[in-house]
Amino acid sequence: MRKQIERIFIGMDSVHPSVYEVCKFSIQKHLRRDIPISPINKFTVKDYDRKSDVYESTDFSFARFFVPQESNFEGFSMFVDADFIFLEDVSQLFDVHELNTNFAVMCCKHNYYVPRSGMKMDGKVQSSFNRKNWSSLMLFNNEHPKIKTLNTSTINGQSGKFLHQFLYLEDDEIGGIPLNWNWLVGYYAEFPGFKPNAIHYTDGGPWLEKYKDCEYSSIYDTYRKEYEQQSS
């Protein structure tokens, strides 16, 4: 039987809740089948007990790793940062790149991405590390033995490096998905056959004054207006 994503979790930052709503709207706008979508952050996860530090730039910096536990370690789940706008049906991603049970996690492997600044968004620290931004969009194989090690004590007790760099996995347990599903604004350029399916405003998006005219800002504004019209 073909494997499919059964739940989608979007990291929600309490400082910018509308960004979560617009991201969710962009996913639902294109979905051709019903998939439950939920917010996740350190306030929604009852077992979250990490101490905050300077590198925790959002409320969901580490809560994302609770997705398998929040899914009862069953099936496949998707996590995505809130600062995304989806331009295509995420079901295409699942159809084109069939979920492989040999992989514990599947993600976009940004091998050549290095942040240009030491700060991002609301003046938060922009850390630079190996496998940066791989964890901003993840497809979790919740039943994989290694994923089951992402339990409460591991997530609350291990370092950010251990979690975000997937040090709990072997390299061949991390599957790759096409980079255009995690299009890093300001770092990738379009060319024939390579354009965004999901835009990631990784350094900051149009909801912030500093980035109101960033690349692809008009797309965000369009989706925001559509969401507001639908919600009014």
C-alpha atoms as a PDB file:
ATOM      1  CA  MET A   1       0.000   0.000   0.000  1.00  0.00           C
ATOM      2  CA  ARG A   2       1.345   3.432  -0.936  1.00  0.00           C
ATOM      3  CA  LYS A   3       2.567   5.441   2.029  1.00  0.00           C
ATOM      4  CA  GLN A   4       1.051   8.890   2.512  1.00  0.00           C
ATOM      5  CA  ILE A   5       1.438  11.775   4.908  1.00  0.00           C
ATOM      6  CA  GLU A   6      -1.252  11.489   7.555  1.00  0.00           C
ATOM      7  CA  ARG A   7      -0.668  14.694   9.519  1.00  0.00           C
ATOM      8  CA  ILE A   8       0.927  18.083   8.918  1.00  0.00           C
ATOM      9  CA  PHE A   9       2.382  20.200  11.719  1.00  0.00           C
ATOM     10  CA  ILE A  10       3.302  23.854  11.243  1.00  0.00           C
ATOM     11  CA  GLY A  11       5.643  25.556  13.679  1.00  0.00           C
ATOM     12  CA  MET A  12       3.760  28.512  15.153  1.00  0.00           C
ATOM     13  CA  ASP A  13       5.549  31.446  16.779  1.00  0.00           C
ATOM     14  CA  SER A  14       3.387  33.279  19.314  1.00  0.00           C
ATOM     15  CA  VAL A  15       4.949  36.592  18.240  1.00  0.00           C
ATOM     16  CA  HIS A  16       3.589  36.202  14.686  1.00  0.00           C
ATOM     17  CA  PRO A  17       0.513  33.916  14.807  1.00  0.00           C
ATOM     18  CA  SER A  18      -0.823  35.252  11.503  1.00  0.00           C
ATOM     19  CA  VAL A  19       2.223  33.853   9.696  1.00  0.00           C
ATOM     20  CA  TYR A  20       1.112  30.367  10.768  1.00  0.00           C
ATOM     21  CA  GLU A  21      -2.405  31.037   9.490  1.00  0.00           C
ATOM     22  CA  VAL A  22      -1.211  32.209   6.072  1.00  0.00           C
ATOM     23  CA  CYS A  23       1.104  29.206   5.729  1.00  0.00           C
ATOM     24  CA  LYS A  24      -1.744  26.864   6.661  1.00  0.00           C
ATOM     25  CA  PHE A  25      -4.036  28.604   4.167  1.00  0.00           C
ATOM     26  CA  SER A  26      -1.461  28.188   1.391  1.00  0.00           C
ATOM     27  CA  ILE A  27      -1.267  24.435   2.064  1.00  0.00           C
ATOM     28  CA  GLN A  28      -5.033  23.989   2.216  1.00  0.00           C
ATOM     29  CA  LYS A  29      -5.570  26.088  -0.913  1.00  0.00           C
ATOM     30  CA  HIS A  30      -3.790  23.487  -3.049  1.00  0.00           C
ATOM     31  CA  LEU A  31      -4.496  20.215  -1.209  1.00  0.00           C
ATOM     32  CA  ARG A  32      -6.537  17.694  -3.184  1.00  0.00           C
ATOM     33  CA  ARG A  33      -7.180  15.485  -0.167  1.00  0.00           C
ATOM     34  CA  ASP A  34      -7.945  16.226   3.450  1.00  0.00           C
ATOM     35  CA  ILE A  35      -4.918  16.122   5.763  1.00  0.00           C
ATOM     36  CA  PRO A  36      -5.200  17.334   9.389  1.00  0.00           C
ATOM     37  CA  ILE A  37      -3.023  20.411   9.995  1.00  0.00           C
ATOM     38  CA  SER A  38      -2.005  21.448  13.514  1.00  0.00           C
ATOM     39  CA  PRO A  39       0.214  24.104  15.093  1.00  0.00           C
ATOM     40  CA  ILE A  40       3.176  22.978  17.132  1.00  0.00           C
ATOM     41  CA  ASN A  41       5.429  24.888  19.521  1.00  0.00           C
ATOM     42  CA  LYS A  42       6.730  24.645  23.061  1.00  0.00           C
ATOM     43  CA  PHE A  43       3.303  25.651  24.407  1.00  0.00           C
ATOM     44  CA  THR A  44       1.315  22.995  22.519  1.00  0.00           C
ATOM     45  CA  VAL A  45       3.545  20.079  23.558  1.00  0.00           C
ATOM     46  CA  LYS A  46       2.747  19.082  27.128  1.00  0.00           C
ATOM     47  CA  ASP A  47       6.064  17.249  27.615  1.00  0.00           C
ATOM     48  CA  TYR A  48       8.223  20.172  26.431  1.00  0.00           C
ATOM     49  CA  ASP A  49      10.732  21.037  29.164  1.00  0.00           C
ATOM     50  CA  ARG A  50      13.814  22.600  27.551  1.00  0.00           C
ATOM     51  CA  LYS A  51      15.438  25.710  28.950  1.00  0.00           C
ATOM     52  CA  SER A  52      15.456  28.625  26.513  1.00  0.00           C
ATOM     53  CA  ASP A  53      18.773  29.794  25.094  1.00  0.00           C
ATOM     54  CA  VAL A  54      20.049  32.491  22.738  1.00  0.00           C
ATOM     55  CA  TYR A  55      19.838  30.171  19.705  1.00  0.00           C
ATOM     56  CA  GLU A  56      16.133  29.451  20.213  1.00  0.00           C
ATOM     57  CA  SER A  57      14.858  31.933  17.638  1.00  0.00           C
ATOM     58  CA  THR A  58      11.213  30.756  17.614  1.00  0.00           C
ATOM     59  CA  ASP A  59       8.739  28.998  19.891  1.00  0.00           C
ATOM     60  CA  PHE A  60       9.071  25.904  17.718  1.00  0.00           C
ATOM     61  CA  SER A  61      12.861  25.727  17.350  1.00  0.00           C
ATOM     62  CA  PHE A  62      12.947  22.404  19.218  1.00  0.00           C
ATOM     63  CA  ALA A  63       9.258  21.532  19.541  1.00  0.00           C
ATOM     64  CA  ARG A  64       9.360  20.343  15.907  1.00  0.00           C
ATOM     65  CA  PHE A  65      11.142  17.190  17.018  1.00  0.00           C
ATOM     66  CA  PHE A  66       8.084  16.184  19.051  1.00  0.00           C
ATOM     67  CA  VAL A  67       6.118  15.632  15.821  1.00  0.00           C
ATOM     68  CA  PRO A  68       6.607  11.834  15.835  1.00  0.00           C
ATOM     69  CA  GLN A  69       5.574  11.624  19.499  1.00  0.00           C
ATOM     70  CA  GLU A  70       2.579  13.898  18.850  1.00  0.00           C
ATOM     71  CA  SER A  71       1.703  11.467  16.019  1.00  0.00           C
ATOM     72  CA  ASN A  72       1.844   8.507  18.439  1.00  0.00           C
ATOM     73  CA  PHE A  73       4.840   7.208  16.449  1.00  0.00           C
ATOM     74  CA  GLU A  74       2.429   6.082  13.734  1.00  0.00           C
ATOM     75  CA  GLY A  75       2.579   6.565   9.962  1.00  0.00           C
ATOM     76  CA  PHE A  76       4.197   9.550   8.287  1.00  0.00           C
ATOM     77  CA  SER A  77       3.965  13.202   9.367  1.00  0.00           C
ATOM     78  CA  MET A  78       5.208  16.429   7.862  1.00  0.00           C
ATOM     79  CA  PHE A  79       6.694  19.366   9.751  1.00  0.00           C
ATOM     80  CA  VAL A  80       7.224  22.799   8.219  1.00  0.00           C
ATOM     81  CA  ASP A  81       8.268  26.197   9.570  1.00  0.00           C
ATOM     82  CA  ALA A  82       5.526  28.820   9.500  1.00  0.00           C
ATOM     83  CA  ASP A  83       7.501  31.156   7.238  1.00  0.00           C
ATOM     84  CA  PHE A  84       6.614  29.124   4.135  1.00  0.00           C
ATOM     85  CA  ILE A  85       4.125  29.756   1.360  1.00  0.00           C
ATOM     86  CA  PHE A  86       3.156  26.703  -0.678  1.00  0.00           C
ATOM     87  CA  LEU A  87       2.476  27.253  -4.359  1.00  0.00           C
ATOM     88  CA  GLU A  88       1.703  23.620  -5.188  1.00  0.00           C
ATOM     89  CA  ASP A  89      -0.201  20.722  -3.657  1.00  0.00           C
ATOM     90  CA  VAL A  90       2.062  18.999  -1.139  1.00  0.00           C
ATOM     91  CA  SER A  91       0.478  15.745  -2.294  1.00  0.00           C
ATOM     92  CA  GLN A  92       2.615  16.159  -5.422  1.00  0.00           C
ATOM     93  CA  LEU A  93       5.676  15.885  -3.235  1.00  0.00           C
ATOM     94  CA  PHE A  94       4.420  12.649  -1.758  1.00  0.00           C
ATOM     95  CA  ASP A  95       3.404  11.286  -5.182  1.00  0.00           C
ATOM     96  CA  VAL A  96       6.570  12.229  -7.070  1.00  0.00           C
ATOM     97  CA  HIS A  97       8.980  11.185  -4.358  1.00  0.00           C
ATOM     98  CA  GLU A  98       7.302   8.135  -2.859  1.00  0.00           C
ATOM     99  CA  LEU A  99       7.822   7.879   0.853  1.00  0.00           C
ATOM    100  CA  ASN A 100      10.497   5.308   1.544  1.00  0.00           C
ATOM    101  CA  THR A 101      10.273   3.323   4.776  1.00  0.00           C
ATOM    102  CA  ASN A 102      14.059   2.844   4.741  1.00  0.00           C
ATOM    103  CA  PHE A 103      14.475   6.529   5.558  1.00  0.00           C
ATOM    104  CA  ALA A 104      13.788   7.859   9.037  1.00  0.00           C
ATOM    105  CA  VAL A 105      13.481  11.452   7.791  1.00  0.00           C
ATOM    106  CA  MET A 106      13.235  13.048   4.358  1.00  0.00           C
ATOM    107  CA  CYS A 107      14.193  16.685   3.817  1.00  0.00           C
ATOM    108  CA  CYS A 108      15.734  19.193   1.400  1.00  0.00           C
ATOM    109  CA  LYS A 109      19.504  18.910   1.695  1.00  0.00           C
ATOM    110  CA  HIS A 110      20.805  22.488   1.398  1.00  0.00           C
ATOM    111  CA  ASN A 111      24.462  21.610   1.061  1.00  0.00           C
ATOM    112  CA  TYR A 112      25.624  25.045  -0.119  1.00  0.00           C
ATOM    113  CA  TYR A 113      23.508  27.326   2.059  1.00  0.00           C
ATOM    114  CA  VAL A 114      25.345  29.700   4.430  1.00  0.00           C
ATOM    115  CA  PRO A 115      23.433  32.585   6.097  1.00  0.00           C
ATOM    116  CA  ARG A 116      24.675  36.022   5.010  1.00  0.00           C
ATOM    117  CA  SER A 117      24.007  37.649   8.366  1.00  0.00           C
ATOM    118  CA  GLY A 118      24.477  36.833  12.031  1.00  0.00           C
ATOM    119  CA  MET A 119      20.975  38.130  12.746  1.00  0.00           C
ATOM    120  CA  LYS A 120      17.561  37.250  11.368  1.00  0.00           C
ATOM    121  CA  MET A 121      13.904  38.126  11.715  1.00  0.00           C
ATOM    122  CA  ASP A 122      13.237  40.152  14.895  1.00  0.00           C
ATOM    123  CA  GLY A 123      16.894  40.640  15.731  1.00  0.00           C
ATOM    124  CA  LYS A 124      17.273  36.974  16.711  1.00  0.00           C
ATOM    125  CA  VAL A 125      20.649  35.250  16.473  1.00  0.00           C
ATOM    126  CA  GLN A 126      21.204  33.570  13.105  1.00  0.00           C
ATOM    127  CA  SER A 127      23.336  30.547  13.823  1.00  0.00           C
ATOM    128  CA  SER A 128      25.332  28.806  11.116  1.00  0.00           C
ATOM    129  CA  PHE A 129      25.918  25.064  11.270  1.00  0.00           C
ATOM    130  CA  ASN A 130      26.201  21.919   9.195  1.00  0.00           C
ATOM    131  CA  ARG A 131      22.889  20.922   7.590  1.00  0.00           C
ATOM    132  CA  LYS A 132      21.433  24.383   8.183  1.00  0.00           C
ATOM    133  CA  ASN A 133      17.737  24.578   7.277  1.00  0.00           C
ATOM    134  CA  TRP A 134      17.394  20.839   6.653  1.00  0.00           C
ATOM    135  CA  SER A 135      14.998  20.655   9.608  1.00  0.00           C
ATOM    136  CA  SER A 136      12.745  23.487   8.382  1.00  0.00           C
ATOM    137  CA  LEU A 137      10.767  20.975   6.282  1.00  0.00           C
ATOM    138  CA  MET A 138      10.790  17.330   7.343  1.00  0.00           C
ATOM    139  CA  LEU A 139       8.837  14.215   6.460  1.00  0.00           C
ATOM    140  CA  PHE A 140       9.017  11.922   9.489  1.00  0.00           C
ATOM    141  CA  ASN A 141       8.723   8.150   9.202  1.00  0.00           C
ATOM    142  CA  ASN A 142       7.255   7.900  12.684  1.00  0.00           C
ATOM    143  CA  GLU A 143       7.560   4.122  12.897  1.00  0.00           C
ATOM    144  CA  HIS A 144      11.274   3.969  12.060  1.00  0.00           C
ATOM    145  CA  PRO A 145      13.294   2.581  15.021  1.00  0.00           C
ATOM    146  CA  LYS A 146      15.633   5.602  15.089  1.00  0.00           C
ATOM    147  CA  ILE A 147      12.704   8.044  15.105  1.00  0.00           C
ATOM    148  CA  LYS A 148      11.346   6.307  18.167  1.00  0.00           C
ATOM    149  CA  THR A 149      14.498   7.461  19.979  1.00  0.00           C
ATOM    150  CA  LEU A 150      13.147  11.028  19.669  1.00  0.00           C
ATOM    151  CA  ASN A 151      11.418  10.683  23.000  1.00  0.00           C
ATOM    152  CA  THR A 152      10.803  13.274  25.692  1.00  0.00           C
ATOM    153  CA  SER A 153      14.141  12.857  27.466  1.00  0.00           C
ATOM    154  CA  THR A 154      16.111  13.013  24.201  1.00  0.00           C
ATOM    155  CA  ILE A 155      14.442  16.164  22.896  1.00  0.00           C
ATOM    156  CA  ASN A 156      14.507  17.965  26.225  1.00  0.00           C
ATOM    157  CA  GLY A 157      18.021  16.865  27.089  1.00  0.00           C
ATOM    158  CA  GLN A 158      20.054  16.786  23.888  1.00  0.00           C
ATOM    159  CA  SER A 159      21.806  19.759  22.279  1.00  0.00           C
ATOM    160  CA  GLY A 160      20.417  21.750  19.378  1.00  0.00           C
ATOM    161  CA  LYS A 161      23.290  20.439  17.274  1.00  0.00           C
ATOM    162  CA  PHE A 162      22.302  16.835  18.004  1.00  0.00           C
ATOM    163  CA  LEU A 163      18.713  17.482  16.922  1.00  0.00           C
ATOM    164  CA  HIS A 164      19.025  19.909  13.993  1.00  0.00           C
ATOM    165  CA  GLN A 165      21.985  18.127  12.425  1.00  0.00           C
ATOM    166  CA  PHE A 166      20.246  14.734  12.661  1.00  0.00           C
ATOM    167  CA  LEU A 167      23.085  13.242  14.695  1.00  0.00           C
ATOM    168  CA  TYR A 168      20.710  10.554  15.920  1.00  0.00           C
ATOM    169  CA  LEU A 169      20.680   9.145  12.359  1.00  0.00           C
ATOM    170  CA  GLU A 170      23.141   7.601   9.940  1.00  0.00           C
ATOM    171  CA  ASP A 171      23.579   9.468   6.647  1.00  0.00           C
ATOM    172  CA  ASP A 172      21.789   6.763   4.671  1.00  0.00           C
ATOM    173  CA  GLU A 173      18.757   7.094   6.949  1.00  0.00           C
ATOM    174  CA  ILE A 174      18.139  10.661   5.727  1.00  0.00           C
ATOM    175  CA  GLY A 175      16.316  10.849   2.405  1.00  0.00           C
ATOM    176  CA  GLY A 176      16.402  13.818   0.061  1.00  0.00           C
ATOM    177  CA  ILE A 177      13.491  15.659  -1.531  1.00  0.00           C
ATOM    178  CA  PRO A 178      13.690  18.285  -4.318  1.00  0.00           C
ATOM    179  CA  LEU A 179      15.061  21.659  -3.211  1.00  0.00           C
ATOM    180  CA  ASN A 180      12.212  23.573  -4.810  1.00  0.00           C
ATOM    181  CA  TRP A 181       9.990  22.424  -1.945  1.00  0.00           C
ATOM    182  CA  ASN A 182      12.149  24.505   0.417  1.00  0.00           C
ATOM    183  CA  TRP A 183      13.092  27.489  -1.726  1.00  0.00           C
ATOM    184  CA  LEU A 184      15.372  29.715   0.326  1.00  0.00           C
ATOM    185  CA  VAL A 185      14.495  33.308  -0.551  1.00  0.00           C
ATOM    186  CA  GLY A 186      17.566  35.305  -1.511  1.00  0.00           C
ATOM    187  CA  TYR A 187      19.726  32.214  -1.959  1.00  0.00           C
ATOM    188  CA  TYR A 188      18.196  30.361  -4.920  1.00  0.00           C
ATOM    189  CA  ALA A 189      17.634  31.712  -8.431  1.00  0.00           C
ATOM    190  CA  GLU A 190      15.066  30.451 -10.896  1.00  0.00           C
ATOM    191  CA  PHE A 191      16.013  28.910 -14.218  1.00  0.00           C
ATOM    192  CA  PRO A 192      14.157  26.642 -16.679  1.00  0.00           C
ATOM    193  CA  GLY A 193      13.066  23.532 -14.816  1.00  0.00           C
ATOM    194  CA  PHE A 194      13.905  24.979 -11.403  1.00  0.00           C
ATOM    195  CA  LYS A 195      11.360  27.197  -9.701  1.00  0.00           C
ATOM    196  CA  PRO A 196       9.794  27.246  -6.238  1.00  0.00           C
ATOM    197  CA  ASN A 197       6.994  24.938  -5.192  1.00  0.00           C
ATOM    198  CA  ALA A 198       7.212  26.266  -1.631  1.00  0.00           C
ATOM    199  CA  ILE A 199       8.788  29.605  -0.739  1.00  0.00           C
ATOM    200  CA  HIS A 200      10.744  29.815   2.521  1.00  0.00           C
ATOM    201  CA  TYR A 201      11.345  33.342   3.823  1.00  0.00           C
ATOM    202  CA  THR A 202      14.206  32.055   5.899  1.00  0.00           C
ATOM    203  CA  ASP A 203      15.908  35.376   6.819  1.00  0.00           C
ATOM    204  CA  GLY A 204      12.634  37.264   7.314  1.00  0.00           C
ATOM    205  CA  GLY A 205       9.376  37.799   5.468  1.00  0.00           C
ATOM    206  CA  PRO A 206       7.002  40.600   4.420  1.00  0.00           C
ATOM    207  CA  TRP A 207       5.241  40.569   7.794  1.00  0.00           C
ATOM    208  CA  LEU A 208       8.379  42.349   9.086  1.00  0.00           C
ATOM    209  CA  GLU A 209       9.016  45.961   8.092  1.00  0.00           C
ATOM    210  CA  LYS A 210      12.648  45.282   7.195  1.00  0.00           C
ATOM    211  CA  TYR A 211      11.639  42.577   4.703  1.00  0.00           C
ATOM    212  CA  LYS A 212       8.372  44.010   3.363  1.00  0.00           C
ATOM    213  CA  ASP A 213       9.873  44.332  -0.131  1.00  0.00           C
ATOM    214  CA  CYS A 214      11.954  41.145  -0.126  1.00  0.00           C
ATOM    215  CA  GLU A 215      12.012  38.783  -3.074  1.00  0.00           C
ATOM    216  CA  TYR A 216       8.639  37.045  -3.528  1.00  0.00           C
ATOM    217  CA  SER A 217       6.980  39.502  -1.122  1.00  0.00           C
ATOM    218  CA  SER A 218       4.123  40.046  -3.587  1.00  0.00           C
ATOM    219  CA  ILE A 219       3.299  36.327  -3.442  1.00  0.00           C
ATOM    220  CA  TYR A 220       3.085  36.403   0.336  1.00  0.00           C
ATOM    221  CA  ASP A 221       0.895  39.516   0.202  1.00  0.00           C
ATOM    222  CA  THR A 222      -1.453  37.818  -2.259  1.00  0.00           C
ATOM    223  CA  TYR A 223      -1.905  34.764  -0.038  1.00  0.00           C
ATOM    224  CA  ARG A 224      -2.274  36.924   3.065  1.00  0.00           C
ATOM    225  CA  LYS A 225      -5.050  38.960   1.431  1.00  0.00           C
ATOM    226  CA  GLU A 226      -6.820  35.807   0.254  1.00  0.00           C
ATOM    227  CA  TYR A 227      -6.651  34.363   3.755  1.00  0.00           C
ATOM    228  CA  GLU A 228      -8.002  37.574   5.290  1.00  0.00           C
ATOM    229  CA  GLN A 229     -10.860  37.725   2.794  1.00  0.00           C
ATOM    230  CA  GLN A 230     -11.767  34.112   3.503  1.00  0.00           C
ATOM    231  CA  SER A 231     -11.643  34.688   7.253  1.00  0.00           C
ATOM    232  CA  SER A 232     -13.668  37.901   7.294  1.00  0.00           C
END
